[in-house]
Amino acid sequence: QVQVVESGGGLVQPGGSLRLSCVASGFTFSSGVMRWYRQAPGKERELVTFMSSTGGSIGYADSVKGRFTISRDNANNTVYLQMNSLKPEDTAVYYCNVVWRLRPYWGQGTQVTVSS
């Protein structure tokens, strides 16, 4: 059974940093494209970043370029999202995602709140 579990959210002041983690299981992690999405209140879920299985292909939403960094540890089935220079508009529930055998899998999400 495919599972992804996020952690690391919290309350941070503007300009601060957080690192989110997503531990995956139930599939061949080293073969999966891993993605982070976020959903702010009243808004649609949006793709924040993705990383290919080998890390050779990475993409970021324009709104987070230069501030967020995705990375993965295939030995420990974990993908990370390092978020720096956080802004109030980054406030959202952040979700880890993998599409495996044509089916999308989501975690329960982790809340990130950027506020003074």
C-alpha atoms as a PDB file:
ATOM      1  CA  GLN A   1       0.000   0.000   0.000  1.00  0.00           C
ATOM      2  CA  VAL A   2       1.436   3.326  -1.105  1.00  0.00           C
ATOM      3  CA  GLN A   3       1.708   5.900   1.652  1.00  0.00           C
ATOM      4  CA  VAL A   4       3.273   9.330   1.961  1.00  0.00           C
ATOM      5  CA  VAL A   5       3.438  11.098   5.307  1.00  0.00           C
ATOM      6  CA  GLU A   6       4.360  14.758   5.673  1.00  0.00           C
ATOM      7  CA  SER A   7       5.795  16.487   8.717  1.00  0.00           C
ATOM      8  CA  GLY A   8       7.623  19.641   9.701  1.00  0.00           C
ATOM      9  CA  GLY A   9       4.972  22.327   9.381  1.00  0.00           C
ATOM     10  CA  GLY A  10       4.347  24.988  11.942  1.00  0.00           C
ATOM     11  CA  LEU A  11       4.091  28.678  12.704  1.00  0.00           C
ATOM     12  CA  VAL A  12       6.958  30.875  11.537  1.00  0.00           C
ATOM     13  CA  GLN A  13       7.513  34.611  11.263  1.00  0.00           C
ATOM     14  CA  PRO A  14       7.915  36.283   7.875  1.00  0.00           C
ATOM     15  CA  GLY A  15      11.461  35.826   6.660  1.00  0.00           C
ATOM     16  CA  GLY A  16      11.871  32.598   8.591  1.00  0.00           C
ATOM     17  CA  SER A  17      12.557  29.063   7.428  1.00  0.00           C
ATOM     18  CA  LEU A  18      11.027  25.627   7.718  1.00  0.00           C
ATOM     19  CA  ARG A  19      11.936  22.217   6.382  1.00  0.00           C
ATOM     20  CA  LEU A  20       9.184  19.812   5.469  1.00  0.00           C
ATOM     21  CA  SER A  21       9.728  16.084   5.202  1.00  0.00           C
ATOM     22  CA  CYS A  22       7.763  13.400   3.411  1.00  0.00           C
ATOM     23  CA  VAL A  23       8.415   9.750   4.154  1.00  0.00           C
ATOM     24  CA  ALA A  24       7.129   7.350   1.501  1.00  0.00           C
ATOM     25  CA  SER A  25       6.470   3.630   1.480  1.00  0.00           C
ATOM     26  CA  GLY A  26       4.756   0.941  -0.557  1.00  0.00           C
ATOM     27  CA  PHE A  27       6.424   1.645  -3.879  1.00  0.00           C
ATOM     28  CA  THR A  28       9.874   1.875  -5.414  1.00  0.00           C
ATOM     29  CA  PHE A  29      10.754   5.314  -4.122  1.00  0.00           C
ATOM     30  CA  SER A  30      13.866   5.651  -6.260  1.00  0.00           C
ATOM     31  CA  SER A  31      11.670   5.373  -9.374  1.00  0.00           C
ATOM     32  CA  GLY A  32       9.026   7.891  -8.377  1.00  0.00           C
ATOM     33  CA  VAL A  33       8.683  11.552  -9.328  1.00  0.00           C
ATOM     34  CA  MET A  34       7.980  13.348  -6.074  1.00  0.00           C
ATOM     35  CA  ARG A  35       5.952  16.532  -5.855  1.00  0.00           C
ATOM     36  CA  TRP A  36       4.977  19.088  -3.255  1.00  0.00           C
ATOM     37  CA  TYR A  37       1.656  20.886  -3.555  1.00  0.00           C
ATOM     38  CA  ARG A  38       0.015  23.447  -1.344  1.00  0.00           C
ATOM     39  CA  GLN A  39      -3.499  24.666  -0.769  1.00  0.00           C
ATOM     40  CA  ALA A  40      -4.317  27.979   0.855  1.00  0.00           C
ATOM     41  CA  PRO A  41      -7.764  28.684   2.320  1.00  0.00           C
ATOM     42  CA  GLY A  42     -10.270  29.394  -0.433  1.00  0.00           C
ATOM     43  CA  LYS A  43      -7.800  28.569  -3.187  1.00  0.00           C
ATOM     44  CA  GLU A  44      -7.145  25.612  -5.429  1.00  0.00           C
ATOM     45  CA  ARG A  45      -4.328  23.213  -4.729  1.00  0.00           C
ATOM     46  CA  GLU A  46      -1.211  24.266  -6.626  1.00  0.00           C
ATOM     47  CA  LEU A  47       2.010  22.542  -7.588  1.00  0.00           C
ATOM     48  CA  VAL A  48       4.961  24.000  -5.709  1.00  0.00           C
ATOM     49  CA  THR A  49       7.823  21.856  -6.905  1.00  0.00           C
ATOM     50  CA  PHE A  50       8.761  18.456  -8.285  1.00  0.00           C
ATOM     51  CA  MET A  51      11.859  16.315  -8.544  1.00  0.00           C
ATOM     52  CA  SER A  52      12.469  13.399 -10.888  1.00  0.00           C
ATOM     53  CA  SER A  53      13.502   9.995  -9.602  1.00  0.00           C
ATOM     54  CA  THR A  54      17.209  10.675 -10.088  1.00  0.00           C
ATOM     55  CA  GLY A  55      17.035  14.345  -9.175  1.00  0.00           C
ATOM     56  CA  GLY A  56      18.098  15.309 -12.671  1.00  0.00           C
ATOM     57  CA  SER A  57      14.911  17.232 -13.372  1.00  0.00           C
ATOM     58  CA  ILE A  58      13.536  19.800 -10.947  1.00  0.00           C
ATOM     59  CA  GLY A  59      10.886  22.479 -11.297  1.00  0.00           C
ATOM     60  CA  TYR A  60       9.485  25.235  -9.131  1.00  0.00           C
ATOM     61  CA  ALA A  61       6.485  27.486  -9.224  1.00  0.00           C
ATOM     62  CA  ASP A  62       7.479  31.056 -10.023  1.00  0.00           C
ATOM     63  CA  SER A  63       6.206  32.178  -6.634  1.00  0.00           C
ATOM     64  CA  VAL A  64       8.795  30.080  -4.758  1.00  0.00           C
ATOM     65  CA  LYS A  65      11.816  30.144  -7.082  1.00  0.00           C
ATOM     66  CA  GLY A  66      14.954  31.146  -5.272  1.00  0.00           C
ATOM     67  CA  ARG A  67      13.373  30.573  -1.852  1.00  0.00           C
ATOM     68  CA  PHE A  68      12.345  26.897  -1.783  1.00  0.00           C
ATOM     69  CA  THR A  69      14.533  23.875  -2.463  1.00  0.00           C
ATOM     70  CA  ILE A  70      13.398  20.310  -3.013  1.00  0.00           C
ATOM     71  CA  SER A  71      15.699  17.388  -2.290  1.00  0.00           C
ATOM     72  CA  ARG A  72      15.387  13.655  -1.834  1.00  0.00           C
ATOM     73  CA  ASP A  73      17.129  10.839  -0.021  1.00  0.00           C
ATOM     74  CA  ASN A  74      16.430   7.668  -1.932  1.00  0.00           C
ATOM     75  CA  ALA A  75      18.182   5.548   0.688  1.00  0.00           C
ATOM     76  CA  ASN A  76      15.620   6.651   3.283  1.00  0.00           C
ATOM     77  CA  ASN A  77      12.565   7.069   1.032  1.00  0.00           C
ATOM     78  CA  THR A  78      12.278  10.715   1.988  1.00  0.00           C
ATOM     79  CA  VAL A  79      11.736  13.937   0.092  1.00  0.00           C
ATOM     80  CA  TYR A  80      12.319  17.331   1.660  1.00  0.00           C
ATOM     81  CA  LEU A  81      11.175  20.864   1.034  1.00  0.00           C
ATOM     82  CA  GLN A  82      13.447  23.547   2.438  1.00  0.00           C
ATOM     83  CA  MET A  83      11.553  26.827   2.620  1.00  0.00           C
ATOM     84  CA  ASN A  84      13.462  30.040   3.236  1.00  0.00           C
ATOM     85  CA  SER A  85      12.450  33.700   3.273  1.00  0.00           C
ATOM     86  CA  LEU A  86       8.900  32.698   4.009  1.00  0.00           C
ATOM     87  CA  LYS A  87       6.106  35.135   3.270  1.00  0.00           C
ATOM     88  CA  PRO A  88       2.553  35.335   4.618  1.00  0.00           C
ATOM     89  CA  GLU A  89       1.321  34.240   1.198  1.00  0.00           C
ATOM     90  CA  ASP A  90       3.135  30.932   1.687  1.00  0.00           C
ATOM     91  CA  THR A  91       0.595  30.060   4.364  1.00  0.00           C
ATOM     92  CA  ALA A  92      -1.108  26.847   3.278  1.00  0.00           C
ATOM     93  CA  VAL A  93      -1.430  23.147   3.869  1.00  0.00           C
ATOM     94  CA  TYR A  94       1.483  21.466   2.120  1.00  0.00           C
ATOM     95  CA  TYR A  95       0.993  18.044   0.558  1.00  0.00           C
ATOM     96  CA  CYS A  96       3.418  15.440  -0.700  1.00  0.00           C
ATOM     97  CA  ASN A  97       2.384  13.581  -3.840  1.00  0.00           C
ATOM     98  CA  VAL A  98       3.462  10.684  -5.982  1.00  0.00           C
ATOM     99  CA  VAL A  99       1.793   9.168  -9.011  1.00  0.00           C
ATOM    100  CA  TRP A 100       2.448   5.447  -9.035  1.00  0.00           C
ATOM    101  CA  ARG A 101       1.060   3.135 -11.684  1.00  0.00           C
ATOM    102  CA  LEU A 102      -1.136   5.995 -12.951  1.00  0.00           C
ATOM    103  CA  ARG A 103      -2.733   6.601  -9.559  1.00  0.00           C
ATOM    104  CA  PRO A 104      -2.044   9.687  -7.440  1.00  0.00           C
ATOM    105  CA  TYR A 105      -1.290   9.317  -3.742  1.00  0.00           C
ATOM    106  CA  TRP A 106      -1.477  12.130  -1.221  1.00  0.00           C
ATOM    107  CA  GLY A 107      -0.467  12.570   2.350  1.00  0.00           C
ATOM    108  CA  GLN A 108      -2.634  14.156   4.996  1.00  0.00           C
ATOM    109  CA  GLY A 109      -0.813  17.459   4.635  1.00  0.00           C
ATOM    110  CA  THR A 110       1.113  19.641   7.050  1.00  0.00           C
ATOM    111  CA  GLN A 111       0.062  23.176   7.948  1.00  0.00           C
ATOM    112  CA  VAL A 112       2.489  26.028   7.368  1.00  0.00           C
ATOM    113  CA  THR A 113       1.505  29.389   8.797  1.00  0.00           C
ATOM    114  CA  VAL A 114       3.631  32.471   8.174  1.00  0.00           C
ATOM    115  CA  SER A 115       2.605  35.281  10.475  1.00  0.00           C
ATOM    116  CA  SER A 116       4.048  37.814  12.871  1.00  0.00           C
END
